[in-house]
N, C-alpha and C. Protein backbone atom coordinates (compact mmCIF):
# COMPACT_ATOMS: atom_id res chain seq x y z
N UNK A 1 -6.25 31.95 22.65
CA UNK A 1 -6.28 30.62 22.03
C UNK A 1 -5.00 29.85 22.36
N UNK A 2 -5.17 28.56 22.70
CA UNK A 2 -4.00 27.73 22.99
C UNK A 2 -3.27 27.40 21.70
N UNK A 3 -1.96 27.49 21.73
CA UNK A 3 -1.16 27.22 20.54
C UNK A 3 -1.19 25.74 20.17
N UNK A 4 -1.37 25.47 18.89
CA UNK A 4 -1.31 24.11 18.36
C UNK A 4 0.14 23.82 17.99
N UNK A 5 0.66 22.71 18.46
CA UNK A 5 2.05 22.33 18.18
C UNK A 5 2.07 21.11 17.28
N UNK A 6 2.80 21.25 16.16
CA UNK A 6 2.87 20.19 15.15
C UNK A 6 4.34 19.87 14.85
N UNK A 7 4.95 18.97 15.63
CA UNK A 7 6.36 18.61 15.38
C UNK A 7 6.56 18.03 13.99
N UNK A 8 7.66 18.38 13.35
CA UNK A 8 7.93 17.95 11.98
C UNK A 8 8.75 16.67 11.95
N UNK A 9 8.16 15.64 11.36
CA UNK A 9 8.80 14.33 11.29
C UNK A 9 10.10 14.34 10.49
N UNK A 10 10.29 15.36 9.68
CA UNK A 10 11.49 15.45 8.85
C UNK A 10 12.77 15.41 9.69
N UNK A 11 12.68 15.88 10.95
CA UNK A 11 13.86 15.92 11.82
C UNK A 11 13.96 14.71 12.74
N UNK A 12 13.07 13.75 12.59
CA UNK A 12 13.08 12.57 13.45
C UNK A 12 14.22 11.63 13.08
N UNK A 13 14.50 10.69 13.97
CA UNK A 13 15.49 9.65 13.71
C UNK A 13 14.78 8.50 12.98
N UNK A 14 15.01 8.40 11.67
CA UNK A 14 14.28 7.42 10.87
C UNK A 14 14.75 5.98 11.13
N UNK A 15 15.87 5.82 11.81
CA UNK A 15 16.32 4.48 12.18
C UNK A 15 15.46 3.93 13.31
N UNK A 16 14.84 4.85 14.08
CA UNK A 16 13.99 4.46 15.22
C UNK A 16 12.67 5.20 15.14
N UNK A 17 12.04 5.14 13.97
CA UNK A 17 10.82 5.90 13.75
C UNK A 17 9.69 5.45 14.68
N UNK A 18 9.66 4.17 15.02
CA UNK A 18 8.62 3.68 15.93
C UNK A 18 8.70 4.37 17.29
N UNK A 19 9.93 4.56 17.78
CA UNK A 19 10.11 5.22 19.08
C UNK A 19 9.78 6.70 18.99
N UNK A 20 10.08 7.31 17.85
CA UNK A 20 9.77 8.73 17.66
C UNK A 20 8.25 8.95 17.65
N UNK A 21 7.52 8.07 16.98
CA UNK A 21 6.06 8.18 16.94
C UNK A 21 5.48 7.92 18.33
N UNK A 22 6.05 6.98 19.06
CA UNK A 22 5.60 6.70 20.42
C UNK A 22 5.79 7.94 21.30
N UNK A 23 6.91 8.64 21.12
CA UNK A 23 7.15 9.88 21.87
C UNK A 23 6.08 10.92 21.54
N UNK A 24 5.76 11.07 20.26
CA UNK A 24 4.73 12.02 19.85
C UNK A 24 3.39 11.65 20.46
N UNK A 25 3.05 10.38 20.43
CA UNK A 25 1.78 9.92 21.00
C UNK A 25 1.67 10.24 22.48
N UNK A 26 2.78 10.14 23.19
CA UNK A 26 2.77 10.36 24.64
C UNK A 26 2.93 11.84 25.01
N UNK A 27 3.28 12.67 24.05
CA UNK A 27 3.55 14.08 24.31
C UNK A 27 2.27 14.92 24.24
N UNK A 28 2.43 16.23 24.45
CA UNK A 28 1.32 17.17 24.34
C UNK A 28 1.16 17.70 22.91
N UNK A 29 1.91 17.14 21.97
CA UNK A 29 1.78 17.57 20.58
C UNK A 29 0.34 17.40 20.12
N UNK A 30 -0.14 18.36 19.34
CA UNK A 30 -1.51 18.29 18.83
C UNK A 30 -1.58 17.52 17.53
N UNK A 31 -0.62 17.77 16.65
CA UNK A 31 -0.58 17.16 15.33
C UNK A 31 0.83 16.62 15.08
N UNK A 32 0.98 15.87 13.99
CA UNK A 32 2.30 15.47 13.51
C UNK A 32 2.45 16.00 12.09
N UNK A 33 3.43 16.87 11.89
CA UNK A 33 3.66 17.50 10.59
C UNK A 33 4.55 16.59 9.74
N UNK A 34 4.12 16.38 8.49
CA UNK A 34 4.85 15.47 7.61
C UNK A 34 5.15 16.15 6.28
N UNK A 35 6.43 16.38 6.02
CA UNK A 35 6.87 17.08 4.81
C UNK A 35 7.20 16.08 3.71
N UNK A 36 6.39 16.09 2.66
CA UNK A 36 6.63 15.22 1.51
C UNK A 36 7.28 16.07 0.42
N UNK A 37 8.51 15.71 0.02
CA UNK A 37 9.28 16.48 -0.96
C UNK A 37 9.62 15.60 -2.16
N UNK A 38 9.54 16.19 -3.36
CA UNK A 38 9.72 15.40 -4.57
C UNK A 38 11.02 15.63 -5.32
N UNK A 39 11.86 16.56 -4.87
CA UNK A 39 13.10 16.84 -5.59
C UNK A 39 12.88 17.66 -6.85
N UNK A 40 11.65 18.08 -7.10
CA UNK A 40 11.31 18.89 -8.27
C UNK A 40 10.83 20.27 -7.82
N UNK A 41 9.75 20.28 -7.03
CA UNK A 41 9.26 21.55 -6.50
C UNK A 41 10.25 22.15 -5.50
N UNK A 42 10.90 21.29 -4.73
CA UNK A 42 11.96 21.71 -3.79
C UNK A 42 13.21 20.87 -4.07
N UNK A 43 14.39 21.40 -3.75
CA UNK A 43 15.64 20.69 -4.07
C UNK A 43 16.02 19.62 -3.05
N UNK A 44 15.06 18.75 -2.74
CA UNK A 44 15.34 17.68 -1.79
C UNK A 44 14.26 16.62 -1.95
N UNK A 45 14.56 15.40 -1.55
CA UNK A 45 13.59 14.31 -1.54
C UNK A 45 13.51 13.82 -0.10
N UNK A 46 12.31 13.74 0.45
CA UNK A 46 12.18 13.32 1.85
C UNK A 46 11.62 11.91 1.94
N UNK A 47 10.32 11.79 1.98
CA UNK A 47 9.68 10.47 2.06
C UNK A 47 8.33 10.56 1.37
N UNK A 48 7.75 9.40 1.09
CA UNK A 48 6.49 9.38 0.36
C UNK A 48 5.41 8.59 1.07
N UNK A 49 4.52 8.02 0.29
CA UNK A 49 3.34 7.39 0.86
C UNK A 49 3.59 6.11 1.66
N UNK A 50 4.63 5.33 1.39
CA UNK A 50 4.89 4.20 2.28
C UNK A 50 5.10 4.64 3.74
N UNK A 51 5.79 5.76 3.93
CA UNK A 51 6.00 6.28 5.29
C UNK A 51 4.70 6.82 5.85
N UNK A 52 3.96 7.60 5.04
CA UNK A 52 2.68 8.13 5.51
C UNK A 52 1.73 7.02 5.92
N UNK A 53 1.65 5.99 5.10
CA UNK A 53 0.76 4.87 5.38
C UNK A 53 1.16 4.16 6.67
N UNK A 54 2.46 3.95 6.85
CA UNK A 54 2.94 3.24 8.04
C UNK A 54 2.71 4.07 9.31
N UNK A 55 3.04 5.35 9.24
CA UNK A 55 2.86 6.23 10.40
C UNK A 55 1.37 6.38 10.72
N UNK A 56 0.55 6.47 9.68
CA UNK A 56 -0.89 6.63 9.89
C UNK A 56 -1.52 5.50 10.67
N UNK A 57 -0.90 4.34 10.63
CA UNK A 57 -1.45 3.18 11.35
C UNK A 57 -1.17 3.22 12.84
N UNK A 58 -0.13 3.96 13.25
CA UNK A 58 0.27 3.94 14.66
C UNK A 58 0.22 5.31 15.35
N UNK A 59 0.17 6.38 14.57
CA UNK A 59 0.17 7.72 15.17
C UNK A 59 -1.22 8.06 15.68
N UNK A 60 -1.31 8.47 16.93
CA UNK A 60 -2.60 8.80 17.55
C UNK A 60 -2.96 10.27 17.38
N UNK A 61 -2.03 11.04 16.82
CA UNK A 61 -2.28 12.47 16.59
C UNK A 61 -2.64 12.69 15.12
N UNK A 62 -3.47 13.70 14.83
CA UNK A 62 -3.82 13.98 13.44
C UNK A 62 -2.56 14.26 12.60
N UNK A 63 -2.52 13.69 11.41
CA UNK A 63 -1.38 13.91 10.52
C UNK A 63 -1.61 15.17 9.68
N UNK A 64 -0.66 16.07 9.79
CA UNK A 64 -0.66 17.37 9.11
C UNK A 64 0.31 17.25 7.94
N UNK A 65 -0.24 16.85 6.77
CA UNK A 65 0.61 16.49 5.63
C UNK A 65 0.85 17.70 4.73
N UNK A 66 2.11 18.05 4.56
CA UNK A 66 2.55 19.22 3.78
C UNK A 66 3.23 18.71 2.51
N UNK A 67 2.54 18.86 1.38
CA UNK A 67 3.07 18.36 0.12
C UNK A 67 3.87 19.43 -0.61
N UNK A 68 5.19 19.27 -0.59
CA UNK A 68 6.09 20.16 -1.32
C UNK A 68 6.43 19.50 -2.65
N UNK A 69 5.39 19.38 -3.48
CA UNK A 69 5.53 18.63 -4.72
C UNK A 69 4.79 19.34 -5.85
N UNK A 70 5.14 18.99 -7.08
CA UNK A 70 4.38 19.48 -8.23
C UNK A 70 3.11 18.63 -8.36
N UNK A 71 2.08 19.22 -8.89
CA UNK A 71 0.79 18.56 -9.11
C UNK A 71 0.25 17.83 -7.86
N UNK A 72 0.16 18.53 -6.72
CA UNK A 72 -0.35 17.87 -5.52
C UNK A 72 -1.79 17.38 -5.67
N UNK A 73 -2.53 17.99 -6.61
CA UNK A 73 -3.92 17.59 -6.82
C UNK A 73 -4.05 16.14 -7.26
N UNK A 74 -2.97 15.58 -7.79
CA UNK A 74 -3.01 14.18 -8.24
C UNK A 74 -2.92 13.18 -7.09
N UNK A 75 -2.66 13.68 -5.89
CA UNK A 75 -2.41 12.78 -4.75
C UNK A 75 -3.38 13.00 -3.60
N UNK A 76 -4.51 13.63 -3.88
CA UNK A 76 -5.48 13.93 -2.82
C UNK A 76 -6.06 12.64 -2.24
N UNK A 77 -6.51 11.75 -3.08
CA UNK A 77 -7.13 10.51 -2.59
C UNK A 77 -6.12 9.65 -1.85
N UNK A 78 -4.89 9.61 -2.34
CA UNK A 78 -3.85 8.80 -1.69
C UNK A 78 -3.49 9.38 -0.33
N UNK A 79 -3.48 10.71 -0.24
CA UNK A 79 -3.20 11.36 1.05
C UNK A 79 -4.31 11.07 2.05
N UNK A 80 -5.55 11.15 1.60
CA UNK A 80 -6.67 10.85 2.48
C UNK A 80 -6.64 9.39 2.94
N UNK A 81 -6.30 8.50 2.03
CA UNK A 81 -6.25 7.07 2.35
C UNK A 81 -5.19 6.76 3.40
N UNK A 82 -4.14 7.56 3.44
CA UNK A 82 -3.07 7.34 4.43
C UNK A 82 -3.53 7.66 5.85
N UNK A 83 -4.66 8.37 5.96
CA UNK A 83 -5.18 8.74 7.28
C UNK A 83 -4.95 10.19 7.64
N UNK A 84 -4.48 10.99 6.68
CA UNK A 84 -4.19 12.40 6.94
C UNK A 84 -5.46 13.16 7.32
N UNK A 85 -5.34 14.04 8.30
CA UNK A 85 -6.45 14.91 8.69
C UNK A 85 -6.39 16.24 7.95
N UNK A 86 -5.18 16.66 7.61
CA UNK A 86 -4.95 17.94 6.94
C UNK A 86 -4.05 17.71 5.74
N UNK A 87 -4.41 18.31 4.61
CA UNK A 87 -3.54 18.27 3.43
C UNK A 87 -3.22 19.71 3.06
N UNK A 88 -1.93 20.01 3.06
CA UNK A 88 -1.45 21.36 2.81
C UNK A 88 -0.70 21.39 1.49
N UNK A 89 -1.15 22.24 0.57
CA UNK A 89 -0.52 22.34 -0.76
C UNK A 89 0.05 23.74 -0.95
N UNK A 90 1.04 23.85 -1.80
CA UNK A 90 1.65 25.15 -2.06
C UNK A 90 0.86 25.93 -3.10
N UNK A 91 0.63 27.19 -2.81
CA UNK A 91 0.02 28.11 -3.78
C UNK A 91 0.80 28.08 -5.09
N UNK A 92 2.12 28.04 -4.98
CA UNK A 92 2.98 28.12 -6.16
C UNK A 92 2.91 26.86 -7.03
N UNK A 93 2.38 25.78 -6.49
CA UNK A 93 2.34 24.50 -7.22
C UNK A 93 0.96 24.21 -7.82
N UNK A 94 -0.02 25.06 -7.53
CA UNK A 94 -1.39 24.78 -7.96
C UNK A 94 -1.88 25.81 -8.98
N UNK A 95 -2.16 25.33 -10.19
CA UNK A 95 -2.71 26.21 -11.22
C UNK A 95 -4.17 26.52 -10.91
N UNK A 96 -4.92 25.52 -10.45
CA UNK A 96 -6.34 25.68 -10.13
C UNK A 96 -6.53 25.45 -8.62
N UNK A 97 -6.12 26.43 -7.84
CA UNK A 97 -6.08 26.27 -6.38
C UNK A 97 -7.47 26.06 -5.79
N UNK A 98 -8.46 26.82 -6.25
CA UNK A 98 -9.81 26.68 -5.69
C UNK A 98 -10.34 25.26 -5.90
N UNK A 99 -10.13 24.72 -7.10
CA UNK A 99 -10.57 23.35 -7.40
C UNK A 99 -9.86 22.34 -6.49
N UNK A 100 -8.57 22.57 -6.26
CA UNK A 100 -7.81 21.66 -5.39
C UNK A 100 -8.32 21.70 -3.96
N UNK A 101 -8.61 22.89 -3.46
CA UNK A 101 -9.15 23.03 -2.10
C UNK A 101 -10.49 22.30 -1.98
N UNK A 102 -11.35 22.47 -2.98
CA UNK A 102 -12.64 21.77 -2.98
C UNK A 102 -12.44 20.26 -2.95
N UNK A 103 -11.50 19.76 -3.72
CA UNK A 103 -11.26 18.32 -3.79
C UNK A 103 -10.71 17.78 -2.46
N UNK A 104 -9.88 18.57 -1.81
CA UNK A 104 -9.35 18.17 -0.49
C UNK A 104 -10.50 18.06 0.51
N UNK A 105 -11.39 19.03 0.51
CA UNK A 105 -12.56 18.99 1.39
C UNK A 105 -13.45 17.80 1.06
N UNK A 106 -13.66 17.56 -0.22
CA UNK A 106 -14.51 16.44 -0.64
C UNK A 106 -13.93 15.09 -0.21
N UNK A 107 -12.60 15.04 -0.05
CA UNK A 107 -11.93 13.81 0.39
C UNK A 107 -11.96 13.65 1.91
N UNK A 108 -12.56 14.63 2.60
CA UNK A 108 -12.72 14.52 4.05
C UNK A 108 -11.60 15.10 4.88
N UNK A 109 -10.73 15.90 4.26
CA UNK A 109 -9.60 16.51 4.99
C UNK A 109 -9.78 18.01 5.10
N UNK A 110 -9.09 18.61 6.06
CA UNK A 110 -8.99 20.05 6.12
C UNK A 110 -7.99 20.50 5.06
N UNK A 111 -8.26 21.66 4.47
CA UNK A 111 -7.42 22.15 3.37
C UNK A 111 -6.52 23.28 3.84
N UNK A 112 -5.23 23.11 3.58
CA UNK A 112 -4.26 24.16 3.90
C UNK A 112 -3.57 24.63 2.64
N UNK A 113 -3.18 25.91 2.64
CA UNK A 113 -2.41 26.47 1.53
C UNK A 113 -1.14 27.06 2.11
N UNK A 114 -0.01 26.74 1.50
CA UNK A 114 1.30 27.21 1.96
C UNK A 114 1.84 28.26 1.00
N UNK A 115 2.46 29.29 1.58
CA UNK A 115 3.12 30.33 0.80
C UNK A 115 4.62 30.30 1.05
N UNK A 116 5.40 30.33 -0.03
CA UNK A 116 6.85 30.46 0.09
C UNK A 116 7.22 31.85 0.61
N UNK A 117 8.45 32.03 1.10
CA UNK A 117 8.85 33.33 1.66
C UNK A 117 8.65 34.51 0.71
N UNK A 118 8.81 34.29 -0.59
CA UNK A 118 8.72 35.42 -1.54
C UNK A 118 7.30 35.66 -2.05
N UNK A 119 6.34 34.83 -1.62
CA UNK A 119 4.96 34.99 -2.10
C UNK A 119 4.17 35.85 -1.12
N UNK A 120 3.59 36.96 -1.59
CA UNK A 120 2.84 37.86 -0.69
C UNK A 120 1.51 37.26 -0.27
N UNK A 121 1.01 37.65 0.89
CA UNK A 121 -0.23 37.08 1.41
C UNK A 121 -1.45 37.50 0.61
N UNK A 122 -1.38 38.63 -0.10
CA UNK A 122 -2.57 39.12 -0.79
C UNK A 122 -3.01 38.23 -1.96
N UNK A 123 -2.18 37.26 -2.36
CA UNK A 123 -2.60 36.34 -3.43
C UNK A 123 -3.76 35.46 -2.97
N UNK A 124 -4.00 35.40 -1.66
CA UNK A 124 -5.06 34.56 -1.12
C UNK A 124 -6.35 35.32 -0.86
N UNK A 125 -6.38 36.58 -1.24
CA UNK A 125 -7.52 37.45 -0.90
C UNK A 125 -8.86 36.86 -1.37
N UNK A 126 -8.89 36.28 -2.56
CA UNK A 126 -10.14 35.78 -3.11
C UNK A 126 -10.48 34.36 -2.67
N UNK A 127 -9.61 33.76 -1.88
CA UNK A 127 -9.83 32.36 -1.50
C UNK A 127 -9.72 32.14 0.01
N UNK A 128 -9.45 33.20 0.74
CA UNK A 128 -9.17 33.08 2.17
C UNK A 128 -10.35 32.48 2.95
N UNK A 129 -11.57 32.68 2.46
CA UNK A 129 -12.73 32.13 3.14
C UNK A 129 -12.94 30.65 2.91
N UNK A 130 -12.19 30.07 1.97
CA UNK A 130 -12.37 28.66 1.62
C UNK A 130 -11.34 27.74 2.28
N UNK A 131 -10.27 28.31 2.84
CA UNK A 131 -9.21 27.47 3.40
C UNK A 131 -9.33 27.35 4.91
N UNK A 132 -8.85 26.24 5.43
CA UNK A 132 -8.87 26.02 6.89
C UNK A 132 -7.58 26.52 7.54
N UNK A 133 -6.49 26.44 6.78
CA UNK A 133 -5.17 26.79 7.31
C UNK A 133 -4.37 27.50 6.24
N UNK A 134 -3.65 28.54 6.62
CA UNK A 134 -2.63 29.13 5.75
C UNK A 134 -1.30 28.94 6.44
N UNK A 135 -0.39 28.27 5.76
CA UNK A 135 0.94 28.04 6.32
C UNK A 135 1.95 28.96 5.63
N UNK A 136 2.69 29.69 6.43
CA UNK A 136 3.75 30.54 5.91
C UNK A 136 5.09 29.85 6.13
N UNK A 137 5.87 29.76 5.07
CA UNK A 137 7.23 29.23 5.21
C UNK A 137 8.13 30.35 5.72
N UNK A 138 8.76 30.13 6.85
CA UNK A 138 9.67 31.13 7.42
C UNK A 138 11.12 30.75 7.16
N UNK A 139 11.30 29.77 6.29
CA UNK A 139 12.59 29.44 5.67
C UNK A 139 12.26 29.05 4.23
N UNK A 140 13.25 28.95 3.37
CA UNK A 140 13.00 28.45 2.02
C UNK A 140 12.79 26.94 2.09
N UNK A 141 11.70 26.44 1.51
CA UNK A 141 11.36 25.03 1.69
C UNK A 141 12.37 24.08 1.06
N UNK A 142 12.53 22.93 1.71
CA UNK A 142 13.40 21.90 1.15
C UNK A 142 14.32 21.24 2.16
N UNK A 143 14.71 21.97 3.20
CA UNK A 143 15.64 21.42 4.17
C UNK A 143 15.28 21.87 5.58
N UNK A 144 15.50 21.00 6.56
CA UNK A 144 15.29 21.35 7.95
C UNK A 144 16.49 22.08 8.51
N UNK A 145 16.30 22.71 9.67
CA UNK A 145 17.40 23.33 10.39
C UNK A 145 17.90 24.65 9.83
N UNK A 146 17.10 25.32 8.99
CA UNK A 146 17.54 26.58 8.40
C UNK A 146 17.30 27.76 9.35
N UNK A 147 17.96 28.86 9.04
CA UNK A 147 17.81 30.08 9.84
C UNK A 147 16.48 30.76 9.52
N UNK A 148 15.83 31.21 10.55
CA UNK A 148 14.53 31.88 10.46
C UNK A 148 14.64 33.19 9.68
N UNK A 149 13.70 33.42 8.77
CA UNK A 149 13.64 34.67 8.01
C UNK A 149 12.86 35.70 8.81
N UNK A 150 13.54 36.74 9.26
CA UNK A 150 12.96 37.70 10.20
C UNK A 150 11.72 38.42 9.68
N UNK A 151 11.65 38.65 8.37
CA UNK A 151 10.50 39.36 7.81
C UNK A 151 9.20 38.55 7.94
N UNK A 152 9.32 37.28 8.35
CA UNK A 152 8.14 36.43 8.52
C UNK A 152 7.21 36.97 9.60
N UNK A 153 7.74 37.67 10.58
CA UNK A 153 6.91 38.22 11.66
C UNK A 153 5.90 39.21 11.09
N UNK A 154 6.37 40.13 10.28
CA UNK A 154 5.47 41.12 9.68
C UNK A 154 4.51 40.46 8.69
N UNK A 155 4.97 39.41 8.04
CA UNK A 155 4.11 38.69 7.10
C UNK A 155 2.95 38.03 7.84
N UNK A 156 3.22 37.49 9.02
CA UNK A 156 2.16 36.91 9.86
C UNK A 156 1.13 37.98 10.19
N UNK A 157 1.60 39.16 10.56
CA UNK A 157 0.69 40.25 10.92
C UNK A 157 -0.19 40.65 9.74
N UNK A 158 0.40 40.69 8.54
CA UNK A 158 -0.38 41.03 7.34
C UNK A 158 -1.42 39.94 7.04
N UNK A 159 -1.04 38.69 7.24
CA UNK A 159 -1.96 37.59 7.02
C UNK A 159 -3.10 37.64 8.03
N UNK A 160 -2.80 37.94 9.27
CA UNK A 160 -3.85 38.05 10.30
C UNK A 160 -4.86 39.14 9.92
N UNK A 161 -4.37 40.24 9.41
CA UNK A 161 -5.25 41.33 8.97
C UNK A 161 -6.13 40.88 7.80
N UNK A 162 -5.55 40.14 6.86
CA UNK A 162 -6.30 39.65 5.70
C UNK A 162 -7.40 38.69 6.14
N UNK A 163 -7.09 37.81 7.07
CA UNK A 163 -8.07 36.85 7.58
C UNK A 163 -9.22 37.56 8.27
N UNK A 164 -8.91 38.52 9.11
CA UNK A 164 -9.94 39.24 9.84
C UNK A 164 -10.78 40.11 8.90
N UNK A 165 -10.14 40.72 7.95
CA UNK A 165 -10.84 41.57 6.98
C UNK A 165 -11.80 40.75 6.12
N UNK A 166 -11.40 39.51 5.81
CA UNK A 166 -12.22 38.65 4.96
C UNK A 166 -13.23 37.82 5.73
N UNK A 167 -13.26 37.96 7.06
CA UNK A 167 -14.19 37.19 7.87
C UNK A 167 -13.91 35.69 7.83
N UNK A 168 -12.66 35.33 7.61
CA UNK A 168 -12.27 33.92 7.49
C UNK A 168 -11.99 33.31 8.86
N UNK A 169 -12.17 32.00 8.93
CA UNK A 169 -11.85 31.25 10.15
C UNK A 169 -10.50 30.53 10.03
N UNK A 170 -9.75 30.85 8.98
CA UNK A 170 -8.48 30.15 8.73
C UNK A 170 -7.48 30.35 9.87
N UNK A 171 -6.77 29.28 10.19
CA UNK A 171 -5.70 29.33 11.19
C UNK A 171 -4.38 29.62 10.49
N UNK A 172 -3.48 30.27 11.20
CA UNK A 172 -2.16 30.58 10.66
C UNK A 172 -1.14 29.60 11.22
N UNK A 173 -0.42 28.96 10.32
CA UNK A 173 0.62 27.99 10.66
C UNK A 173 1.96 28.52 10.14
N UNK A 174 3.01 28.33 10.90
CA UNK A 174 4.34 28.75 10.44
C UNK A 174 5.30 27.57 10.54
N UNK A 175 6.08 27.40 9.47
CA UNK A 175 7.01 26.28 9.36
C UNK A 175 8.40 26.80 9.01
N UNK A 176 9.37 26.53 9.90
CA UNK A 176 10.76 26.89 9.60
C UNK A 176 11.40 27.75 10.67
N UNK A 177 12.44 27.24 11.30
CA UNK A 177 13.19 28.03 12.27
C UNK A 177 12.43 28.34 13.55
N UNK A 178 11.43 27.52 13.87
CA UNK A 178 10.63 27.75 15.09
C UNK A 178 11.38 27.15 16.27
N UNK A 179 11.82 28.01 17.17
CA UNK A 179 12.54 27.56 18.36
C UNK A 179 12.35 28.57 19.50
N UNK A 180 13.21 28.52 20.50
CA UNK A 180 12.98 29.26 21.74
C UNK A 180 12.87 30.76 21.53
N UNK A 181 13.63 31.33 20.59
CA UNK A 181 13.60 32.78 20.39
C UNK A 181 12.47 33.24 19.47
N UNK A 182 12.16 32.43 18.47
CA UNK A 182 11.19 32.85 17.47
C UNK A 182 9.75 32.50 17.82
N UNK A 183 9.54 31.39 18.50
CA UNK A 183 8.17 30.93 18.78
C UNK A 183 7.32 31.96 19.52
N UNK A 184 7.81 32.58 20.61
CA UNK A 184 6.98 33.57 21.32
C UNK A 184 6.61 34.76 20.44
N UNK A 185 7.53 35.20 19.60
CA UNK A 185 7.26 36.35 18.74
C UNK A 185 6.24 35.99 17.66
N UNK A 186 6.31 34.77 17.16
CA UNK A 186 5.35 34.34 16.15
C UNK A 186 3.94 34.27 16.73
N UNK A 187 3.82 33.70 17.91
CA UNK A 187 2.51 33.60 18.55
C UNK A 187 1.95 34.99 18.85
N UNK A 188 2.81 35.88 19.32
CA UNK A 188 2.38 37.26 19.61
C UNK A 188 1.90 37.97 18.33
N UNK A 189 2.52 37.63 17.20
CA UNK A 189 2.16 38.25 15.92
C UNK A 189 0.85 37.71 15.37
N UNK A 190 0.40 36.55 15.88
CA UNK A 190 -0.88 36.02 15.43
C UNK A 190 -0.88 34.59 14.95
N UNK A 191 0.19 33.84 15.18
CA UNK A 191 0.27 32.45 14.73
C UNK A 191 -0.54 31.53 15.65
N UNK A 192 -1.27 30.58 15.03
CA UNK A 192 -2.05 29.60 15.77
C UNK A 192 -1.35 28.26 15.90
N UNK A 193 -0.55 27.91 14.87
CA UNK A 193 0.06 26.58 14.79
C UNK A 193 1.56 26.72 14.57
N UNK A 194 2.33 26.10 15.44
CA UNK A 194 3.79 26.12 15.32
C UNK A 194 4.28 24.76 14.84
N UNK A 195 4.96 24.77 13.70
CA UNK A 195 5.64 23.57 13.21
C UNK A 195 7.09 23.66 13.64
N UNK A 196 7.59 22.64 14.30
CA UNK A 196 8.97 22.67 14.78
C UNK A 196 9.60 21.30 14.59
N UNK A 197 10.74 21.27 13.91
CA UNK A 197 11.41 20.01 13.63
C UNK A 197 12.62 19.77 14.50
N UNK A 198 13.73 20.37 14.12
CA UNK A 198 14.99 20.17 14.84
C UNK A 198 14.88 20.55 16.31
N UNK A 199 14.20 21.65 16.59
CA UNK A 199 14.08 22.14 17.97
C UNK A 199 13.43 21.10 18.87
N UNK A 200 12.49 20.33 18.33
CA UNK A 200 11.81 19.30 19.12
C UNK A 200 12.59 17.99 19.10
N UNK A 201 12.84 17.45 17.91
CA UNK A 201 13.39 16.09 17.81
C UNK A 201 14.86 16.00 18.21
N UNK A 202 15.60 17.10 18.11
CA UNK A 202 17.01 17.09 18.51
C UNK A 202 17.21 17.52 19.96
N UNK A 203 16.12 17.85 20.65
CA UNK A 203 16.21 18.31 22.04
C UNK A 203 16.59 17.16 22.97
N UNK A 204 17.20 17.51 24.09
CA UNK A 204 17.53 16.50 25.10
C UNK A 204 16.25 15.86 25.65
N UNK A 205 15.20 16.67 25.76
CA UNK A 205 13.91 16.20 26.25
C UNK A 205 12.82 16.72 25.32
N UNK A 206 12.51 15.99 24.24
CA UNK A 206 11.53 16.46 23.27
C UNK A 206 10.15 16.75 23.88
N UNK A 207 9.71 15.90 24.82
CA UNK A 207 8.39 16.12 25.42
C UNK A 207 8.35 17.44 26.19
N UNK A 208 9.42 17.75 26.89
CA UNK A 208 9.48 19.02 27.63
C UNK A 208 9.52 20.20 26.67
N UNK A 209 10.18 20.04 25.54
CA UNK A 209 10.24 21.10 24.53
C UNK A 209 8.86 21.35 23.94
N UNK A 210 8.13 20.29 23.65
CA UNK A 210 6.76 20.42 23.16
C UNK A 210 5.90 21.11 24.22
N UNK A 211 6.07 20.72 25.46
CA UNK A 211 5.33 21.35 26.56
C UNK A 211 5.58 22.85 26.62
N UNK A 212 6.83 23.25 26.44
CA UNK A 212 7.17 24.68 26.50
C UNK A 212 6.50 25.47 25.38
N UNK A 213 6.38 24.84 24.19
CA UNK A 213 5.69 25.51 23.08
C UNK A 213 4.19 25.61 23.35
N UNK A 214 3.65 24.61 24.04
CA UNK A 214 2.23 24.62 24.36
C UNK A 214 1.85 25.72 25.36
N UNK A 215 2.84 26.24 26.07
CA UNK A 215 2.58 27.28 27.08
C UNK A 215 2.40 28.66 26.46
N UNK A 216 2.69 28.78 25.18
CA UNK A 216 2.60 30.07 24.50
C UNK A 216 1.15 30.35 24.10
N UNK A 217 0.66 31.52 24.44
CA UNK A 217 -0.72 31.91 24.13
C UNK A 217 -0.75 33.30 23.55
N UNK A 218 -1.71 33.53 22.67
CA UNK A 218 -1.89 34.89 22.15
C UNK A 218 -3.24 35.45 22.60
């Protein structure tokens, strides 16, 4: 399977966001990853719906929206209205996760569930057949440019086993510390989607960096 590459807008130059989106449109990137942070669920505030709405009007790639917020179920319709193709919510933030996944699907989006580094994959055993994407955080959520947590490799392998055992079609996405050393190992372990922020947007040639990630196959 060809690796899906989803550059993270969190690392973009917000002073020239139009040029950054133009670069994404012209690149081999499959999706555009958008981290919405509320300063409550994670210790940082990033951007909200005005940015999503503006980017949704000009971005030609599907928007992969990752809500690092409390009560994400309250923002399903607003996320869909922004033009998002994927809405990813944290397991840790959802009391009624199955209901939230159903509502995301009903709004016309693919449903993703994200696990923090300390959350084991087996919590998804009863719901793995209902989700389109499982995203594993390979850093603690809240800030870009963090060091990759090495145990994430084995966690990917355990998640792959859970997906296959449950007969699920869910894709595995990894967010955090994805760069030249970690990306090949993640793909080899079973990752389908690579989220990369600093490694792409801070590169001398972002398009070439995206191209290099696209060359990885499992």
